[in-house]
Amino acid sequence: MIHHIAIGTPHPAELAKFYRGLPGAVFVKEFHYESGELRSVWIQFDSILLMVEEGKKEAPKNLVFSLTPINHLEWKDWLRSIPITHHTDFTIYFQDPDGNGLGISSYPEKLTIPIEMS
């Protein structure tokens, strides 16, 4: 089981604001350097903890969230606010403000959300 995923960014406050706005996000905690500058922000997504950390821009190729009947409407509404880069029968892909690849997937069920490419 995955405990957490860390994403490096030179702009942790801005990137954390984006992730905190995703459906299902729950803010956990902020950490600061002794200087007071933001070091990291922890955000919970179900059982996975996302750590947005100050530093070099580094992330997985794609971070893909689950699309379920429970969160379907919330994601459908949220997707209207962001450009979609591409999609498959099961997954819709988009990017965070740093250009990291993200997505939502309904696999093994085919997507039922109408897809509007930006």
C-alpha atoms as a PDB file:
ATOM      1  CA  MET A   1       0.000   0.000   0.000  1.00  0.00           C
ATOM      2  CA  ILE A   2       1.237   3.502  -0.781  1.00  0.00           C
ATOM      3  CA  HIS A   3       1.712   5.758   2.261  1.00  0.00           C
ATOM      4  CA  HIS A   4       2.351   9.077   0.518  1.00  0.00           C
ATOM      5  CA  ILE A   5       3.347  10.746  -2.724  1.00  0.00           C
ATOM      6  CA  ALA A   6       5.673  13.762  -2.679  1.00  0.00           C
ATOM      7  CA  ILE A   7       5.692  16.437  -5.381  1.00  0.00           C
ATOM      8  CA  GLY A   8       8.544  18.940  -5.492  1.00  0.00           C
ATOM      9  CA  THR A   9       7.889  22.521  -6.574  1.00  0.00           C
ATOM     10  CA  PRO A  10       9.546  25.920  -6.332  1.00  0.00           C
ATOM     11  CA  HIS A  11       6.070  27.305  -5.475  1.00  0.00           C
ATOM     12  CA  PRO A  12       4.570  25.112  -2.710  1.00  0.00           C
ATOM     13  CA  ALA A  13       1.870  27.575  -1.606  1.00  0.00           C
ATOM     14  CA  GLU A  14       0.461  28.028  -5.108  1.00  0.00           C
ATOM     15  CA  LEU A  15       0.627  24.330  -5.985  1.00  0.00           C
ATOM     16  CA  ALA A  16      -0.903  23.305  -2.640  1.00  0.00           C
ATOM     17  CA  LYS A  17      -3.771  25.738  -3.253  1.00  0.00           C
ATOM     18  CA  PHE A  18      -4.516  23.912  -6.527  1.00  0.00           C
ATOM     19  CA  TYR A  19      -4.458  20.458  -4.912  1.00  0.00           C
ATOM     20  CA  ARG A  20      -6.551  21.615  -1.959  1.00  0.00           C
ATOM     21  CA  GLY A  21      -9.223  22.595  -4.492  1.00  0.00           C
ATOM     22  CA  LEU A  22      -9.495  19.105  -5.991  1.00  0.00           C
ATOM     23  CA  PRO A  23     -12.591  17.082  -5.131  1.00  0.00           C
ATOM     24  CA  GLY A  24     -12.025  14.984  -2.015  1.00  0.00           C
ATOM     25  CA  ALA A  25      -8.964  16.917  -0.802  1.00  0.00           C
ATOM     26  CA  VAL A  26      -8.567  17.297   2.959  1.00  0.00           C
ATOM     27  CA  PHE A  27      -5.906  19.692   4.279  1.00  0.00           C
ATOM     28  CA  VAL A  28      -3.736  18.021   6.949  1.00  0.00           C
ATOM     29  CA  LYS A  29      -0.845  20.275   7.918  1.00  0.00           C
ATOM     30  CA  GLU A  30       1.764  22.836   6.821  1.00  0.00           C
ATOM     31  CA  PHE A  31       5.454  22.722   7.715  1.00  0.00           C
ATOM     32  CA  HIS A  32       7.770  25.744   7.702  1.00  0.00           C
ATOM     33  CA  TYR A  33      11.523  26.311   7.728  1.00  0.00           C
ATOM     34  CA  GLU A  34      13.011  28.126  10.727  1.00  0.00           C
ATOM     35  CA  SER A  35      12.937  31.251   8.540  1.00  0.00           C
ATOM     36  CA  GLY A  36       9.150  30.955   8.421  1.00  0.00           C
ATOM     37  CA  GLU A  37       9.028  30.096   4.719  1.00  0.00           C
ATOM     38  CA  LEU A  38       6.712  27.273   3.691  1.00  0.00           C
ATOM     39  CA  ARG A  39       8.495  23.921   3.397  1.00  0.00           C
ATOM     40  CA  SER A  40       5.600  21.541   2.674  1.00  0.00           C
ATOM     41  CA  VAL A  41       1.843  21.083   2.721  1.00  0.00           C
ATOM     42  CA  TRP A  42       0.196  17.746   3.425  1.00  0.00           C
ATOM     43  CA  ILE A  43      -3.137  16.980   1.779  1.00  0.00           C
ATOM     44  CA  GLN A  44      -5.108  13.759   2.292  1.00  0.00           C
ATOM     45  CA  PHE A  45      -6.933  11.943  -0.532  1.00  0.00           C
ATOM     46  CA  ASP A  46      -8.687   8.945   1.014  1.00  0.00           C
ATOM     47  CA  SER A  47      -5.852   6.694   2.229  1.00  0.00           C
ATOM     48  CA  ILE A  48      -3.091   8.490   0.277  1.00  0.00           C
ATOM     49  CA  LEU A  49      -1.213  11.480   1.658  1.00  0.00           C
ATOM     50  CA  LEU A  50       0.048  14.001  -0.909  1.00  0.00           C
ATOM     51  CA  MET A  51       3.048  16.061   0.203  1.00  0.00           C
ATOM     52  CA  VAL A  52       3.648  19.239  -1.797  1.00  0.00           C
ATOM     53  CA  GLU A  53       7.263  20.075  -0.972  1.00  0.00           C
ATOM     54  CA  GLU A  54       9.408  23.126  -1.674  1.00  0.00           C
ATOM     55  CA  GLY A  55      12.360  22.370  -3.911  1.00  0.00           C
ATOM     56  CA  LYS A  56      13.178  21.215  -7.401  1.00  0.00           C
ATOM     57  CA  LYS A  57      10.175  20.530  -9.652  1.00  0.00           C
ATOM     58  CA  GLU A  58       9.725  16.745  -9.460  1.00  0.00           C
ATOM     59  CA  ALA A  59       6.639  14.589  -9.776  1.00  0.00           C
ATOM     60  CA  PRO A  60       5.416  11.214 -11.026  1.00  0.00           C
ATOM     61  CA  LYS A  61       4.607  10.964 -14.761  1.00  0.00           C
ATOM     62  CA  ASN A  62       0.891  11.065 -13.924  1.00  0.00           C
ATOM     63  CA  LEU A  63      -0.930  11.162 -10.617  1.00  0.00           C
ATOM     64  CA  VAL A  64      -4.352   9.641 -11.279  1.00  0.00           C
ATOM     65  CA  PHE A  65      -7.322   9.941  -8.915  1.00  0.00           C
ATOM     66  CA  SER A  66     -10.280   7.549  -8.693  1.00  0.00           C
ATOM     67  CA  LEU A  67     -13.554   8.494 -10.329  1.00  0.00           C
ATOM     68  CA  THR A  68     -16.386   6.734  -8.515  1.00  0.00           C
ATOM     69  CA  PRO A  69     -20.172   6.972  -8.461  1.00  0.00           C
ATOM     70  CA  ILE A  70     -19.820   8.792  -5.131  1.00  0.00           C
ATOM     71  CA  ASN A  71     -17.537  11.586  -6.419  1.00  0.00           C
ATOM     72  CA  HIS A  72     -18.649  11.594 -10.069  1.00  0.00           C
ATOM     73  CA  LEU A  73     -20.718  14.816  -9.954  1.00  0.00           C
ATOM     74  CA  GLU A  74     -18.087  16.730  -7.973  1.00  0.00           C
ATOM     75  CA  TRP A  75     -15.368  15.826 -10.522  1.00  0.00           C
ATOM     76  CA  LYS A  76     -17.693  16.565 -13.441  1.00  0.00           C
ATOM     77  CA  ASP A  77     -18.278  20.096 -12.134  1.00  0.00           C
ATOM     78  CA  TRP A  78     -14.591  20.622 -11.284  1.00  0.00           C
ATOM     79  CA  LEU A  79     -13.381  19.510 -14.734  1.00  0.00           C
ATOM     80  CA  ARG A  80     -15.186  22.473 -16.280  1.00  0.00           C
ATOM     81  CA  SER A  81     -12.603  24.737 -14.623  1.00  0.00           C
ATOM     82  CA  ILE A  82      -9.476  23.244 -16.205  1.00  0.00           C
ATOM     83  CA  PRO A  83      -8.162  22.352 -19.677  1.00  0.00           C
ATOM     84  CA  ILE A  84      -8.230  18.636 -20.492  1.00  0.00           C
ATOM     85  CA  THR A  85      -5.081  17.540 -22.322  1.00  0.00           C
ATOM     86  CA  HIS A  86      -6.252  14.122 -23.555  1.00  0.00           C
ATOM     87  CA  HIS A  87      -8.331  11.098 -22.589  1.00  0.00           C
ATOM     88  CA  THR A  88      -8.831   7.384 -23.056  1.00  0.00           C
ATOM     89  CA  ASP A  89     -12.000   5.335 -22.642  1.00  0.00           C
ATOM     90  CA  PHE A  90     -11.245   5.171 -18.897  1.00  0.00           C
ATOM     91  CA  THR A  91      -9.151   8.223 -17.928  1.00  0.00           C
ATOM     92  CA  ILE A  92      -9.276  12.002 -18.379  1.00  0.00           C
ATOM     93  CA  TYR A  93      -5.897  13.762 -18.208  1.00  0.00           C
ATOM     94  CA  PHE A  94      -5.087  17.353 -17.237  1.00  0.00           C
ATOM     95  CA  GLN A  95      -2.198  19.256 -15.607  1.00  0.00           C
ATOM     96  CA  ASP A  96      -1.521  21.087 -12.384  1.00  0.00           C
ATOM     97  CA  PRO A  97      -0.106  24.652 -12.465  1.00  0.00           C
ATOM     98  CA  ASP A  98       3.478  23.275 -12.588  1.00  0.00           C
ATOM     99  CA  GLY A  99       2.615  21.193 -15.677  1.00  0.00           C
ATOM    100  CA  ASN A 100       2.603  17.854 -13.840  1.00  0.00           C
ATOM    101  CA  GLY A 101       0.365  15.212 -15.378  1.00  0.00           C
ATOM    102  CA  LEU A 102      -2.840  14.398 -13.504  1.00  0.00           C
ATOM    103  CA  GLY A 103      -5.935  12.411 -14.269  1.00  0.00           C
ATOM    104  CA  ILE A 104      -9.122  10.812 -13.055  1.00  0.00           C
ATOM    105  CA  SER A 105      -9.926   7.229 -13.942  1.00  0.00           C
ATOM    106  CA  SER A 106     -13.046   5.110 -13.772  1.00  0.00           C
ATOM    107  CA  TYR A 107     -11.250   1.886 -14.777  1.00  0.00           C
ATOM    108  CA  PRO A 108     -12.454  -0.859 -15.181  1.00  0.00           C
ATOM    109  CA  GLU A 109     -15.688   0.959 -16.094  1.00  0.00           C
ATOM    110  CA  LYS A 110     -15.705   3.231 -19.145  1.00  0.00           C
ATOM    111  CA  LEU A 111     -16.054   6.956 -18.525  1.00  0.00           C
ATOM    112  CA  THR A 112     -19.568   8.376 -18.383  1.00  0.00           C
ATOM    113  CA  ILE A 113     -18.509  12.051 -18.088  1.00  0.00           C
ATOM    114  CA  PRO A 114     -18.902  14.007 -21.358  1.00  0.00           C
ATOM    115  CA  ILE A 115     -15.420  15.149 -22.377  1.00  0.00           C
ATOM    116  CA  GLU A 116     -14.825  18.639 -23.754  1.00  0.00           C
ATOM    117  CA  MET A 117     -11.277  19.119 -24.980  1.00  0.00           C
ATOM    118  CA  SER A 118      -9.807  22.580 -24.388  1.00  0.00           C
END
